Amino acid sequence: GGCAGAIYTLSMAASGELFSGAALLRISGLIS
């Protein structure tokens, strides 16, 4: 459970690491 959950947690962190502003909203929408 810890390893599987970290895949998602670090995917979220990667979105903030790579994108900002409107692109961050878009990547959050794509994640959803």
PDB file of all heavy atoms in Angstrom:
ATOM      1  N   GLY A   1       0.811  -1.211   0.000  1.00  0.00           N
ATOM      2  CA  GLY A   1       0.000   0.000   0.000  1.00  0.00           C
ATOM      3  C   GLY A   1       0.845   1.262   0.000  1.00  0.00           C
ATOM      4  O   GLY A   1       0.531   2.231  -0.692  1.00  0.00           O
ATOM      5  N   GLY A   2       1.951   1.251   0.760  1.00  0.00           N
ATOM      6  CA  GLY A   2       2.823   2.425   0.788  1.00  0.00           C
ATOM      7  C   GLY A   2       3.486   2.697  -0.541  1.00  0.00           C
ATOM      8  O   GLY A   2       3.534   3.842  -1.003  1.00  0.00           O
ATOM      9  N   CYS A   3       3.995   1.652  -1.190  1.00  0.00           N
ATOM     10  CA  CYS A   3       4.664   1.832  -2.487  1.00  0.00           C
ATOM     11  C   CYS A   3       3.668   2.250  -3.565  1.00  0.00           C
ATOM     12  O   CYS A   3       3.965   3.132  -4.389  1.00  0.00           O
ATOM     13  CB  CYS A   3       5.362   0.532  -2.895  1.00  0.00           C
ATOM     14  SG  CYS A   3       6.761   0.095  -1.857  1.00  0.00           S
ATOM     15  N   ALA A   4       2.492   1.641  -3.575  1.00  0.00           N
ATOM     16  CA  ALA A   4       1.480   1.992  -4.574  1.00  0.00           C
ATOM     17  C   ALA A   4       1.002   3.426  -4.385  1.00  0.00           C
ATOM     18  O   ALA A   4       0.872   4.189  -5.345  1.00  0.00           O
ATOM     19  CB  ALA A   4       0.303   1.022  -4.491  1.00  0.00           C
ATOM     20  N   GLY A   5       0.756   3.819  -3.138  1.00  0.00           N
ATOM     21  CA  GLY A   5       0.307   5.181  -2.879  1.00  0.00           C
ATOM     22  C   GLY A   5       1.343   6.225  -3.256  1.00  0.00           C
ATOM     23  O   GLY A   5       1.002   7.315  -3.714  1.00  0.00           O
ATOM     24  N   ALA A   6       2.623   5.884  -3.081  1.00  0.00           N
ATOM     25  CA  ALA A   6       3.690   6.836  -3.408  1.00  0.00           C
ATOM     26  C   ALA A   6       3.752   7.123  -4.898  1.00  0.00           C
ATOM     27  O   ALA A   6       4.166   8.212  -5.309  1.00  0.00           O
ATOM     28  CB  ALA A   6       5.038   6.296  -2.921  1.00  0.00           C
ATOM     29  N   ILE A   7       3.345   6.159  -5.719  1.00  0.00           N
ATOM     30  CA  ILE A   7       3.323   6.408  -7.162  1.00  0.00           C
ATOM     31  C   ILE A   7       2.385   7.572  -7.477  1.00  0.00           C
ATOM     32  O   ILE A   7       2.711   8.462  -8.279  1.00  0.00           O
ATOM     33  CB  ILE A   7       2.899   5.137  -7.920  1.00  0.00           C
ATOM     34  CG1 ILE A   7       3.988   4.066  -7.789  1.00  0.00           C
ATOM     35  CG2 ILE A   7       2.631   5.434  -9.399  1.00  0.00           C
ATOM     36  CD1 ILE A   7       3.624   2.739  -8.422  1.00  0.00           C
ATOM     37  N   TYR A   8       1.241   7.613  -6.807  1.00  0.00           N
ATOM     38  CA  TYR A   8       0.302   8.711  -7.027  1.00  0.00           C
ATOM     39  C   TYR A   8       0.774  10.003  -6.358  1.00  0.00           C
ATOM     40  O   TYR A   8       0.713  11.086  -6.946  1.00  0.00           O
ATOM     41  CB  TYR A   8      -1.081   8.322  -6.504  1.00  0.00           C
ATOM     42  CG  TYR A   8      -2.085   9.433  -6.580  1.00  0.00           C
ATOM     43  CD1 TYR A   8      -2.445   9.985  -7.807  1.00  0.00           C
ATOM     44  CD2 TYR A   8      -2.681   9.951  -5.435  1.00  0.00           C
ATOM     45  CE1 TYR A   8      -3.368  11.014  -7.887  1.00  0.00           C
ATOM     46  CE2 TYR A   8      -3.605  10.977  -5.503  1.00  0.00           C
ATOM     47  CZ  TYR A   8      -3.943  11.509  -6.732  1.00  0.00           C
ATOM     48  OH  TYR A   8      -4.836  12.530  -6.801  1.00  0.00           O
ATOM     49  N   THR A   9       1.269   9.905  -5.126  1.00  0.00           N
ATOM     50  CA  THR A   9       1.748  11.085  -4.413  1.00  0.00           C
ATOM     51  C   THR A   9       2.834  11.808  -5.209  1.00  0.00           C
ATOM     52  O   THR A   9       2.802  13.035  -5.376  1.00  0.00           O
ATOM     53  CB  THR A   9       2.303  10.686  -3.037  1.00  0.00           C
ATOM     54  OG1 THR A   9       1.254  10.105  -2.260  1.00  0.00           O
ATOM     55  CG2 THR A   9       2.863  11.892  -2.298  1.00  0.00           C
ATOM     56  N   LEU A  10       3.792  11.054  -5.721  1.00  0.00           N
ATOM     57  CA  LEU A  10       4.891  11.663  -6.459  1.00  0.00           C
ATOM     58  C   LEU A  10       4.466  12.103  -7.859  1.00  0.00           C
ATOM     59  O   LEU A  10       5.105  12.973  -8.448  1.00  0.00           O
ATOM     60  CB  LEU A  10       6.079  10.704  -6.517  1.00  0.00           C
ATOM     61  CG  LEU A  10       6.682  10.383  -5.142  1.00  0.00           C
ATOM     62  CD1 LEU A  10       7.856   9.428  -5.276  1.00  0.00           C
ATOM     63  CD2 LEU A  10       7.111  11.656  -4.411  1.00  0.00           C
ATOM     64  N   SER A  11       3.398  11.529  -8.385  1.00  0.00           N
ATOM     65  CA  SER A  11       2.834  12.048  -9.636  1.00  0.00           C
ATOM     66  C   SER A  11       2.264  13.444  -9.413  1.00  0.00           C
ATOM     67  O   SER A  11       2.442  14.344 -10.237  1.00  0.00           O
ATOM     68  CB  SER A  11       1.742  11.105 -10.162  1.00  0.00           C
ATOM     69  OG  SER A  11       2.279   9.886 -10.607  1.00  0.00           O
ATOM     70  N   MET A  12       1.572  13.630  -8.284  1.00  0.00           N
ATOM     71  CA  MET A  12       1.066  14.960  -7.939  1.00  0.00           C
ATOM     72  C   MET A  12       2.203  15.952  -7.740  1.00  0.00           C
ATOM     73  O   MET A  12       2.149  17.088  -8.200  1.00  0.00           O
ATOM     74  CB  MET A  12       0.207  14.896  -6.679  1.00  0.00           C
ATOM     75  CG  MET A  12      -1.223  14.498  -6.906  1.00  0.00           C
ATOM     76  SD  MET A  12      -2.267  15.038  -5.528  1.00  0.00           S
ATOM     77  CE  MET A  12      -1.560  14.125  -4.182  1.00  0.00           C
ATOM     78  N   ALA A  13       3.241  15.508  -7.022  1.00  0.00           N
ATOM     79  CA  ALA A  13       4.385  16.386  -6.796  1.00  0.00           C
ATOM     80  C   ALA A  13       5.062  16.754  -8.114  1.00  0.00           C
ATOM     81  O   ALA A  13       5.489  17.892  -8.316  1.00  0.00           O
ATOM     82  CB  ALA A  13       5.388  15.709  -5.863  1.00  0.00           C
ATOM     83  N   ALA A  14       5.133  15.804  -9.032  1.00  0.00           N
ATOM     84  CA  ALA A  14       5.754  16.067 -10.335  1.00  0.00           C
ATOM     85  C   ALA A  14       4.975  17.112 -11.118  1.00  0.00           C
ATOM     86  O   ALA A  14       5.563  17.926 -11.843  1.00  0.00           O
ATOM     87  CB  ALA A  14       5.846  14.769 -11.139  1.00  0.00           C
ATOM     88  N   SER A  15       3.651  17.120 -10.978  1.00  0.00           N
ATOM     89  CA  SER A  15       2.854  18.104 -11.713  1.00  0.00           C
ATOM     90  C   SER A  15       3.180  19.519 -11.253  1.00  0.00           C
ATOM     91  O   SER A  15       3.281  20.443 -12.059  1.00  0.00           O
ATOM     92  CB  SER A  15       1.356  17.812 -11.546  1.00  0.00           C
ATOM     93  OG  SER A  15       0.931  18.029 -10.209  1.00  0.00           O
ATOM     94  N   GLY A  16       3.375  19.712  -9.935  1.00  0.00           N
ATOM     95  CA  GLY A  16       3.766  21.020  -9.439  1.00  0.00           C
ATOM     96  C   GLY A  16       5.214  21.363  -9.734  1.00  0.00           C
ATOM     97  O   GLY A  16       5.578  22.525  -9.810  1.00  0.00           O
ATOM     98  N   GLU A  17       6.044  20.349  -9.893  1.00  0.00           N
ATOM     99  CA  GLU A  17       7.446  20.554 -10.214  1.00  0.00           C
ATOM    100  C   GLU A  17       7.641  21.013 -11.652  1.00  0.00           C
ATOM    101  O   GLU A  17       8.534  21.800 -11.959  1.00  0.00           O
ATOM    102  CB  GLU A  17       8.194  19.236  -9.986  1.00  0.00           C
ATOM    103  CG  GLU A  17       9.672  19.245 -10.293  1.00  0.00           C
ATOM    104  CD  GLU A  17      10.277  17.878 -10.096  1.00  0.00           C
ATOM    105  OE1 GLU A  17      10.062  17.289  -9.014  1.00  0.00           O
ATOM    106  OE2 GLU A  17      10.958  17.374 -11.011  1.00  0.00           O
ATOM    107  N   LEU A  18       6.771  20.532 -12.564  1.00  0.00           N
ATOM    108  CA  LEU A  18       6.941  20.806 -13.992  1.00  0.00           C
ATOM    109  C   LEU A  18       6.058  21.926 -14.517  1.00  0.00           C
ATOM    110  O   LEU A  18       6.367  22.538 -15.536  1.00  0.00           O
ATOM    111  CB  LEU A  18       6.660  19.533 -14.800  1.00  0.00           C
ATOM    112  CG  LEU A  18       7.587  18.341 -14.541  1.00  0.00           C
ATOM    113  CD1 LEU A  18       7.101  17.119 -15.316  1.00  0.00           C
ATOM    114  CD2 LEU A  18       9.015  18.681 -14.913  1.00  0.00           C
ATOM    115  N   PHE A  19       4.905  22.192 -13.848  1.00  0.00           N
ATOM    116  CA  PHE A  19       3.913  23.113 -14.404  1.00  0.00           C
ATOM    117  C   PHE A  19       3.504  24.164 -13.375  1.00  0.00           C
ATOM    118  O   PHE A  19       3.611  23.959 -12.168  1.00  0.00           O
ATOM    119  CB  PHE A  19       2.673  22.345 -14.878  1.00  0.00           C
ATOM    120  CG  PHE A  19       2.966  21.294 -15.909  1.00  0.00           C
ATOM    121  CD1 PHE A  19       3.065  19.954 -15.545  1.00  0.00           C
ATOM    122  CD2 PHE A  19       3.164  21.638 -17.238  1.00  0.00           C
ATOM    123  CE1 PHE A  19       3.346  18.982 -16.488  1.00  0.00           C
ATOM    124  CE2 PHE A  19       3.442  20.674 -18.192  1.00  0.00           C
ATOM    125  CZ  PHE A  19       3.533  19.336 -17.816  1.00  0.00           C
ATOM    126  N   SER A  20       2.991  25.281 -13.877  1.00  0.00           N
ATOM    127  CA  SER A  20       2.465  26.344 -13.028  1.00  0.00           C
ATOM    128  C   SER A  20       1.296  27.016 -13.745  1.00  0.00           C
ATOM    129  O   SER A  20       1.016  26.723 -14.905  1.00  0.00           O
ATOM    130  CB  SER A  20       3.558  27.379 -12.718  1.00  0.00           C
ATOM    131  OG  SER A  20       3.971  28.041 -13.916  1.00  0.00           O
ATOM    132  N   GLY A  21       0.610  27.909 -13.024  1.00  0.00           N
ATOM    133  CA  GLY A  21      -0.464  28.696 -13.627  1.00  0.00           C
ATOM    134  C   GLY A  21      -1.542  27.865 -14.293  1.00  0.00           C
ATOM    135  O   GLY A  21      -2.016  26.864 -13.753  1.00  0.00           O
ATOM    136  N   ALA A  22      -1.932  28.275 -15.501  1.00  0.00           N
ATOM    137  CA  ALA A  22      -2.994  27.585 -16.229  1.00  0.00           C
ATOM    138  C   ALA A  22      -2.611  26.151 -16.562  1.00  0.00           C
ATOM    139  O   ALA A  22      -3.450  25.248 -16.565  1.00  0.00           O
ATOM    140  CB  ALA A  22      -3.322  28.348 -17.517  1.00  0.00           C
ATOM    141  N   ALA A  23      -1.325  25.919 -16.842  1.00  0.00           N
ATOM    142  CA  ALA A  23      -0.878  24.550 -17.151  1.00  0.00           C
ATOM    143  C   ALA A  23      -1.033  23.637 -15.943  1.00  0.00           C
ATOM    144  O   ALA A  23      -1.331  22.448 -16.090  1.00  0.00           O
ATOM    145  CB  ALA A  23       0.571  24.565 -17.624  1.00  0.00           C
ATOM    146  N   LEU A  24      -0.861  24.168 -14.743  1.00  0.00           N
ATOM    147  CA  LEU A  24      -1.049  23.364 -13.541  1.00  0.00           C
ATOM    148  C   LEU A  24      -2.506  22.966 -13.380  1.00  0.00           C
ATOM    149  O   LEU A  24      -2.820  21.834 -12.985  1.00  0.00           O
ATOM    150  CB  LEU A  24      -0.559  24.136 -12.317  1.00  0.00           C
ATOM    151  CG  LEU A  24      -0.666  23.423 -10.969  1.00  0.00           C
ATOM    152  CD1 LEU A  24       0.088  22.094 -10.988  1.00  0.00           C
ATOM    153  CD2 LEU A  24      -0.140  24.322  -9.844  1.00  0.00           C
ATOM    154  N   LEU A  25      -3.420  23.889 -13.685  1.00  0.00           N
ATOM    155  CA  LEU A  25      -4.840  23.539 -13.666  1.00  0.00           C
ATOM    156  C   LEU A  25      -5.147  22.451 -14.687  1.00  0.00           C
ATOM    157  O   LEU A  25      -5.920  21.521 -14.427  1.00  0.00           O
ATOM    158  CB  LEU A  25      -5.699  24.766 -13.945  1.00  0.00           C
ATOM    159  CG  LEU A  25      -5.935  25.732 -12.774  1.00  0.00           C
ATOM    160  CD1 LEU A  25      -6.651  26.971 -13.274  1.00  0.00           C
ATOM    161  CD2 LEU A  25      -6.739  25.056 -11.681  1.00  0.00           C
ATOM    162  N   ARG A  26      -4.517  22.547 -15.872  1.00  0.00           N
ATOM    163  CA  ARG A  26      -4.770  21.547 -16.906  1.00  0.00           C
ATOM    164  C   ARG A  26      -4.234  20.182 -16.508  1.00  0.00           C
ATOM    165  O   ARG A  26      -4.909  19.168 -16.708  1.00  0.00           O
ATOM    166  CB  ARG A  26      -4.154  22.003 -18.234  1.00  0.00           C
ATOM    167  CG  ARG A  26      -4.820  23.219 -18.844  1.00  0.00           C
ATOM    168  CD  ARG A  26      -4.340  23.480 -20.269  1.00  0.00           C
ATOM    169  NE  ARG A  26      -4.900  24.729 -20.760  1.00  0.00           N
ATOM    170  CZ  ARG A  26      -4.220  25.863 -20.907  1.00  0.00           C
ATOM    171  NH1 ARG A  26      -2.936  25.897 -20.615  1.00  0.00           N
ATOM    172  NH2 ARG A  26      -4.805  26.958 -21.362  1.00  0.00           N
ATOM    173  N   ILE A  27      -3.020  20.127 -15.968  1.00  0.00           N
ATOM    174  CA  ILE A  27      -2.476  18.833 -15.573  1.00  0.00           C
ATOM    175  C   ILE A  27      -3.287  18.247 -14.425  1.00  0.00           C
ATOM    176  O   ILE A  27      -3.497  17.030 -14.359  1.00  0.00           O
ATOM    177  CB  ILE A  27      -0.968  18.933 -15.205  1.00  0.00           C
ATOM    178  CG1 ILE A  27      -0.374  17.538 -14.946  1.00  0.00           C
ATOM    179  CG2 ILE A  27      -0.747  19.812 -13.991  1.00  0.00           C
ATOM    180  CD1 ILE A  27      -0.349  16.630 -16.115  1.00  0.00           C
ATOM    181  N   SER A  28      -3.799  19.095 -13.522  1.00  0.00           N
ATOM    182  CA  SER A  28      -4.664  18.598 -12.457  1.00  0.00           C
ATOM    183  C   SER A  28      -5.955  18.027 -13.033  1.00  0.00           C
ATOM    184  O   SER A  28      -6.465  17.000 -12.567  1.00  0.00           O
ATOM    185  CB  SER A  28      -4.982  19.718 -11.456  1.00  0.00           C
ATOM    186  OG  SER A  28      -3.813  20.172 -10.806  1.00  0.00           O
ATOM    187  N   GLY A  29      -6.480  18.706 -14.074  1.00  0.00           N
ATOM    188  CA  GLY A  29      -7.663  18.172 -14.740  1.00  0.00           C
ATOM    189  C   GLY A  29      -7.383  16.857 -15.439  1.00  0.00           C
ATOM    190  O   GLY A  29      -8.192  15.921 -15.392  1.00  0.00           O
ATOM    191  N   LEU A  30      -6.222  16.755 -16.090  1.00  0.00           N
ATOM    192  CA  LEU A  30      -5.850  15.503 -16.755  1.00  0.00           C
ATOM    193  C   LEU A  30      -5.633  14.386 -15.744  1.00  0.00           C
ATOM    194  O   LEU A  30      -5.994  13.226 -15.999  1.00  0.00           O
ATOM    195  CB  LEU A  30      -4.582  15.710 -17.588  1.00  0.00           C
ATOM    196  CG  LEU A  30      -4.764  16.477 -18.900  1.00  0.00           C
ATOM    197  CD1 LEU A  30      -3.409  16.819 -19.510  1.00  0.00           C
ATOM    198  CD2 LEU A  30      -5.594  15.658 -19.887  1.00  0.00           C
ATOM    199  N   ILE A  31      -5.038  14.718 -14.599  1.00  0.00           N
ATOM    200  CA  ILE A  31      -4.883  13.718 -13.545  1.00  0.00           C
ATOM    201  C   ILE A  31      -6.242  13.203 -13.094  1.00  0.00           C
ATOM    202  O   ILE A  31      -6.460  11.999 -12.916  1.00  0.00           O
ATOM    203  CB  ILE A  31      -4.096  14.315 -12.356  1.00  0.00           C
ATOM    204  CG1 ILE A  31      -2.614  14.446 -12.729  1.00  0.00           C
ATOM    205  CG2 ILE A  31      -4.248  13.466 -11.104  1.00  0.00           C
ATOM    206  CD1 ILE A  31      -1.780  15.168 -11.685  1.00  0.00           C
ATOM    207  N   SER A  32      -7.193  14.126 -12.928  1.00  0.00           N
ATOM    208  CA  SER A  32      -8.536  13.715 -12.523  1.00  0.00           C
ATOM    209  C   SER A  32      -9.212  12.867 -13.594  1.00  0.00           C
ATOM    210  O   SER A  32      -9.883  11.875 -13.291  1.00  0.00           O
ATOM    211  CB  SER A  32      -9.388  14.953 -12.214  1.00  0.00           C
ATOM    212  OG  SER A  32     -10.676  14.578 -11.780  1.00  0.00           O
TER     213      SER A  32
END
